[in-house]
Protein backbone atom coordinates (compact mmCIF):
# COMPACT_ATOMS: atom_id res chain seq x y z
CA UNK A 1 -69.32 22.18 -143.13
CA UNK A 2 -69.63 19.46 -145.16
CA UNK A 3 -66.13 19.64 -147.19
CA UNK A 4 -64.96 20.39 -143.94
CA UNK A 5 -61.52 17.99 -143.44
CA UNK A 6 -62.25 14.95 -141.12
CA UNK A 7 -59.90 13.44 -138.09
CA UNK A 8 -60.19 10.09 -136.72
CA UNK A 9 -58.68 10.00 -133.37
CA UNK A 10 -58.35 6.66 -131.20
CA UNK A 11 -58.84 6.60 -127.62
CA UNK A 12 -60.36 10.60 -128.11
CA UNK A 13 -62.92 10.15 -125.22
CA UNK A 14 -60.02 12.13 -122.23
CA UNK A 15 -56.68 12.96 -121.50
CA UNK A 16 -54.58 13.80 -124.35
CA UNK A 17 -56.81 12.62 -126.92
CA UNK A 18 -59.90 14.83 -125.91
CA UNK A 19 -57.24 17.13 -126.14
CA UNK A 20 -56.26 16.87 -129.61
CA UNK A 21 -59.75 16.09 -130.69
CA UNK A 22 -60.62 19.75 -129.33
CA UNK A 23 -57.74 21.23 -130.84
CA UNK A 24 -58.48 20.00 -134.59
CA UNK A 25 -62.56 20.96 -134.03
CA UNK A 26 -61.73 24.33 -132.85
CA UNK A 27 -59.86 25.09 -136.15
CA UNK A 28 -62.92 23.93 -138.40
CA UNK A 29 -62.35 20.06 -138.88
CA UNK A 30 -64.85 17.25 -138.00
CA UNK A 31 -64.25 14.83 -135.85
CA UNK A 32 -64.17 10.87 -134.99
CA UNK A 33 -64.08 10.32 -131.47
CA UNK A 34 -62.97 6.54 -130.26
CA UNK A 35 -63.05 5.03 -126.96
CA UNK A 36 -63.48 1.46 -126.06
CA UNK A 37 -64.29 1.61 -122.45
CA UNK A 38 -64.61 6.00 -121.87
CA UNK A 39 -68.05 5.23 -123.48
CA UNK A 40 -69.67 7.87 -121.31
CA UNK A 41 -66.67 10.54 -121.39
CA UNK A 42 -66.54 10.55 -125.22
CA UNK A 43 -70.47 10.69 -125.57
CA UNK A 44 -70.14 13.63 -123.14
CA UNK A 45 -67.20 15.37 -125.83
CA UNK A 46 -69.13 14.61 -128.60
CA UNK A 47 -72.16 16.86 -127.03
CA UNK A 48 -69.41 19.68 -125.79
CA UNK A 49 -68.61 19.48 -129.44
CA UNK A 50 -71.66 19.42 -130.87
CA UNK A 51 -72.95 22.21 -128.86
CA UNK A 52 -70.20 24.30 -130.88
CA UNK A 53 -71.43 23.24 -134.21
CA UNK A 54 -73.83 20.85 -135.13
CA UNK A 55 -73.36 17.57 -136.50
CA UNK A 56 -69.60 17.99 -136.32
CA UNK A 57 -68.38 14.83 -133.84
CA UNK A 58 -69.28 11.49 -133.31
CA UNK A 59 -68.38 9.00 -131.33
CA UNK A 60 -67.16 5.11 -132.08
CA UNK A 61 -66.19 2.43 -130.01
CA UNK A 62 -64.40 -0.91 -130.51
CA UNK A 63 -62.12 -2.88 -128.74
CA UNK A 64 -58.99 -3.04 -129.98
CA UNK A 65 -58.53 -6.59 -128.75
CA UNK A 66 -60.92 -7.51 -131.14
CA UNK A 67 -59.42 -7.42 -135.04
CA UNK A 68 -63.24 -7.10 -136.41
CA UNK A 69 -63.74 -4.64 -134.40
CA UNK A 70 -61.12 -3.08 -135.59
CA UNK A 71 -61.62 -2.96 -138.95
CA UNK A 72 -65.61 -2.26 -138.81
CA UNK A 73 -63.81 0.97 -136.92
CA UNK A 74 -62.49 2.03 -140.45
CA UNK A 75 -65.12 1.54 -142.40
CA UNK A 76 -67.70 3.09 -140.24
CA UNK A 77 -65.42 5.72 -139.78
CA UNK A 78 -64.89 6.70 -143.98
CA UNK A 79 -68.84 6.26 -143.89
CA UNK A 80 -70.39 8.67 -141.49
CA UNK A 81 -69.25 11.56 -142.62
CA UNK A 82 -67.66 10.14 -146.16
CA UNK A 83 -64.25 11.47 -145.68
CA UNK A 84 -60.84 10.75 -143.50
CA UNK A 85 -58.20 13.09 -144.17
CA UNK A 86 -56.05 12.40 -140.36
CA UNK A 87 -56.11 9.46 -139.03
CA UNK A 88 -54.19 9.53 -135.11
CA UNK A 89 -53.70 6.22 -133.31
CA UNK A 90 -53.81 7.59 -130.08
CA UNK A 91 -55.15 4.98 -128.39
CA UNK A 92 -53.10 2.89 -125.80
CA UNK A 93 -53.01 0.48 -122.72
CA UNK A 94 -50.08 0.93 -120.13
CA UNK A 95 -49.23 -1.00 -117.17
CA UNK A 96 -46.60 -2.96 -115.36
CA UNK A 97 -45.16 -5.97 -117.97
CA UNK A 98 -41.96 -7.07 -116.35
CA UNK A 99 -40.56 -10.47 -117.76
CA UNK A 100 -41.11 -11.41 -114.27
CA UNK A 101 -44.90 -11.93 -114.44
CA UNK A 102 -46.15 -10.74 -118.07
CA UNK A 103 -48.31 -13.24 -119.48
CA UNK A 104 -49.25 -13.99 -123.10
CA UNK A 105 -53.08 -11.75 -121.90
CA UNK A 106 -50.73 -8.92 -121.34
CA UNK A 107 -48.76 -9.26 -124.48
CA UNK A 108 -51.41 -9.10 -126.56
CA UNK A 109 -53.54 -6.10 -124.64
CA UNK A 110 -50.36 -3.74 -124.70
CA UNK A 111 -49.51 -4.74 -128.44
CA UNK A 112 -53.46 -4.55 -129.72
CA UNK A 113 -54.19 -1.80 -128.51
CA UNK A 114 -50.82 0.39 -129.23
CA UNK A 115 -49.37 -1.24 -132.77
CA UNK A 116 -51.86 -3.93 -134.25
CA UNK A 117 -55.11 -1.65 -134.46
CA UNK A 118 -52.74 1.19 -135.41
CA UNK A 119 -50.82 -0.64 -138.40
CA UNK A 120 -54.92 -1.73 -139.80
CA UNK A 121 -56.37 1.23 -139.36
CA UNK A 122 -53.44 2.44 -141.40
CA UNK A 123 -54.06 -0.39 -143.81
CA UNK A 124 -57.68 -0.22 -143.93
CA UNK A 125 -57.88 3.97 -144.61
CA UNK A 126 -54.39 4.17 -146.73
CA UNK A 127 -56.12 4.63 -149.83
CA UNK A 128 -58.57 7.40 -148.60
CA UNK A 129 -55.79 8.80 -147.12
CA UNK A 130 -53.33 9.01 -150.31
CA UNK A 131 -56.43 9.96 -152.14
CA UNK A 132 -56.94 12.48 -149.82
CA UNK A 133 -53.46 13.60 -149.67
CA UNK A 134 -53.86 13.12 -145.67
CA UNK A 135 -51.71 12.11 -142.68
CA UNK A 136 -51.27 9.71 -140.25
CA UNK A 137 -49.91 10.50 -136.94
CA UNK A 138 -49.12 8.11 -134.01
CA UNK A 139 -48.65 9.00 -130.39
CA UNK A 140 -45.78 7.04 -129.55
CA UNK A 141 -43.23 7.08 -125.82
CA UNK A 142 -40.32 8.57 -124.88
CA UNK A 143 -40.14 4.69 -123.54
CA UNK A 144 -39.57 3.72 -126.72
CA UNK A 145 -35.99 4.19 -126.71
CA UNK A 146 -35.52 5.25 -122.98
CA UNK A 147 -37.12 1.55 -121.74
CA UNK A 148 -39.43 2.06 -118.50
CA UNK A 149 -38.57 -0.39 -115.76
CA UNK A 150 -40.94 -3.66 -115.44
CA UNK A 151 -43.02 -2.63 -118.31
CA UNK A 152 -41.06 -4.13 -120.44
CA UNK A 153 -44.10 -5.21 -123.17
CA UNK A 154 -45.26 -1.51 -122.90
CA UNK A 155 -42.14 -0.26 -123.72
CA UNK A 156 -41.79 -2.87 -126.48
CA UNK A 157 -44.76 -2.27 -128.24
CA UNK A 158 -44.24 1.77 -128.10
CA UNK A 159 -41.00 0.50 -129.90
CA UNK A 160 -42.83 -1.09 -132.50
CA UNK A 161 -45.26 1.92 -132.89
CA UNK A 162 -42.24 4.29 -133.89
CA UNK A 163 -40.48 1.47 -136.11
CA UNK A 164 -43.62 1.43 -137.92
CA UNK A 165 -43.84 5.18 -138.13
CA UNK A 166 -40.90 5.41 -140.21
CA UNK A 167 -42.07 2.40 -142.62
CA UNK A 168 -44.96 3.17 -143.26
CA UNK A 169 -43.62 6.92 -144.06
CA UNK A 170 -41.72 4.93 -146.91
CA UNK A 171 -44.59 2.85 -148.12
CA UNK A 172 -47.15 5.57 -148.21
CA UNK A 173 -44.73 8.44 -150.20
CA UNK A 174 -45.78 10.51 -151.87
CA UNK A 175 -49.79 11.15 -151.01
CA UNK A 176 -50.02 10.51 -147.09
CA UNK A 177 -47.28 11.65 -144.62
CA UNK A 178 -46.44 9.68 -141.37
CA UNK A 179 -45.10 10.69 -138.36
CA UNK A 180 -45.12 10.15 -134.57
CA UNK A 181 -44.88 12.13 -130.97
CA UNK A 182 -43.52 11.05 -128.00
CA UNK A 183 -44.96 12.31 -125.00
CA UNK A 184 -43.09 12.37 -122.03
CA UNK A 185 -44.62 12.98 -118.25
CA UNK A 186 -46.97 15.20 -120.11
CA UNK A 187 -50.01 13.92 -117.00
CA UNK A 188 -49.55 12.25 -114.02
CA UNK A 189 -49.99 8.14 -114.29
CA UNK A 190 -53.21 7.47 -112.29
CA UNK A 191 -51.13 4.85 -110.39
CA UNK A 192 -49.15 7.65 -108.78
CA UNK A 193 -52.46 9.67 -108.48
CA UNK A 194 -54.29 6.69 -106.46
CA UNK A 195 -50.91 6.29 -104.22
CA UNK A 196 -51.07 7.42 -100.44
CA UNK A 197 -49.85 11.31 -100.52
CA UNK A 198 -46.10 11.04 -99.09
CA UNK A 199 -45.83 8.69 -101.71
CA UNK A 200 -47.07 10.01 -104.82
CA UNK A 201 -45.76 13.48 -104.05
CA UNK A 202 -41.54 11.61 -104.17
CA UNK A 203 -42.16 10.02 -107.25
CA UNK A 204 -43.40 13.46 -108.37
CA UNK A 205 -40.73 15.28 -107.41
CA UNK A 206 -38.53 12.77 -108.39
CA UNK A 207 -40.03 12.97 -111.78
CA UNK A 208 -39.83 16.48 -111.74
CA UNK A 209 -36.36 16.79 -110.83
CA UNK A 210 -35.55 14.42 -114.07
CA UNK A 211 -36.97 16.96 -116.56
CA UNK A 212 -34.54 20.22 -117.37
CA UNK A 213 -37.96 22.12 -117.57
CA UNK A 214 -38.91 21.39 -114.46
CA UNK A 215 -42.39 21.28 -114.63
CA UNK A 216 -44.96 18.66 -116.67
CA UNK A 217 -46.03 19.55 -120.23
CA UNK A 218 -49.86 19.88 -120.83
CA UNK A 219 -51.96 18.39 -123.37
CA UNK A 220 -52.25 21.43 -125.40
CA UNK A 221 -48.36 20.42 -126.39
CA UNK A 222 -49.36 17.26 -127.65
CA UNK A 223 -52.47 18.52 -129.79
CA UNK A 224 -50.12 21.49 -131.32
CA UNK A 225 -47.84 19.84 -132.75
CA UNK A 226 -50.41 17.24 -133.91
CA UNK A 227 -52.25 19.54 -135.65
CA UNK A 228 -48.45 21.06 -137.23
CA UNK A 229 -48.38 18.12 -138.51
CA UNK A 230 -51.35 17.48 -140.49
CA UNK A 231 -51.45 21.53 -141.39
CA UNK A 232 -48.08 22.93 -141.74
CA UNK A 233 -45.56 20.00 -142.42
CA UNK A 234 -46.02 19.57 -145.75
CA UNK A 235 -42.57 18.47 -146.55
CA UNK A 236 -42.38 16.54 -143.00
CA UNK A 237 -42.47 12.73 -142.72
CA UNK A 238 -40.61 9.53 -141.19
CA UNK A 239 -40.13 11.77 -137.98
CA UNK A 240 -40.62 11.14 -134.50
CA UNK A 241 -40.93 13.76 -132.64
CA UNK A 242 -39.90 13.67 -128.64
CA UNK A 243 -42.11 16.22 -126.40
CA UNK A 244 -40.58 16.28 -122.71
CA UNK A 245 -39.47 18.69 -121.52
CA UNK A 246 -35.70 17.90 -122.32
CA UNK A 247 -35.66 14.96 -120.47
CA UNK A 248 -34.97 12.02 -122.40
CA UNK A 249 -31.43 14.13 -122.88
CA UNK A 250 -30.40 13.96 -119.38
């Protein structure tokens, strides 16, 4: 237990991030769960994991719009268990950001959460990851390549994260591998779930019709690939893999 590997996952209190945390934990990792607004969910997840294995999980809180808080997370994470083997940059904000309506505050929020925090956490932990022959996994988005209408700033931020993945894979080789995962339709967006029944159902049907496999993915699909990158993908770096049921092909 004392020598088991440690993973830091940003935005890990719920949805895909929580699934990744559970998968790594089930395979013997100690997990550090970052959250910002979802503090209660992060604490509950830590409680769940620590019931399974004592002192194996901890929650860290930071607003990635504050650069100082971002840097503090890196320090606190390293100090808590004394090591970091895997960094998973999963934290993200997602909301419409069209050319006509986007403000500088939208630019800052979307780039800070999706790119800036990932970059500076990688910078802060690069030495530790190098010493551990560790890896960085960035959760990108298929919309980095195929933009979503009226979400220009978000798509630009995810494109930057994809580019960062490739750039850092060169900078940090040969000691640190850097890869990305681009989820497609894995969970229904909150705005679709909140729409009135008929309208929301129409949007869901349209999305499913556009996916060759004709179904949503599951958070476990992302978690399994992340764990593969960490534990089995020793000769893989600089890759961003789409997990989208083939949707990006049509």
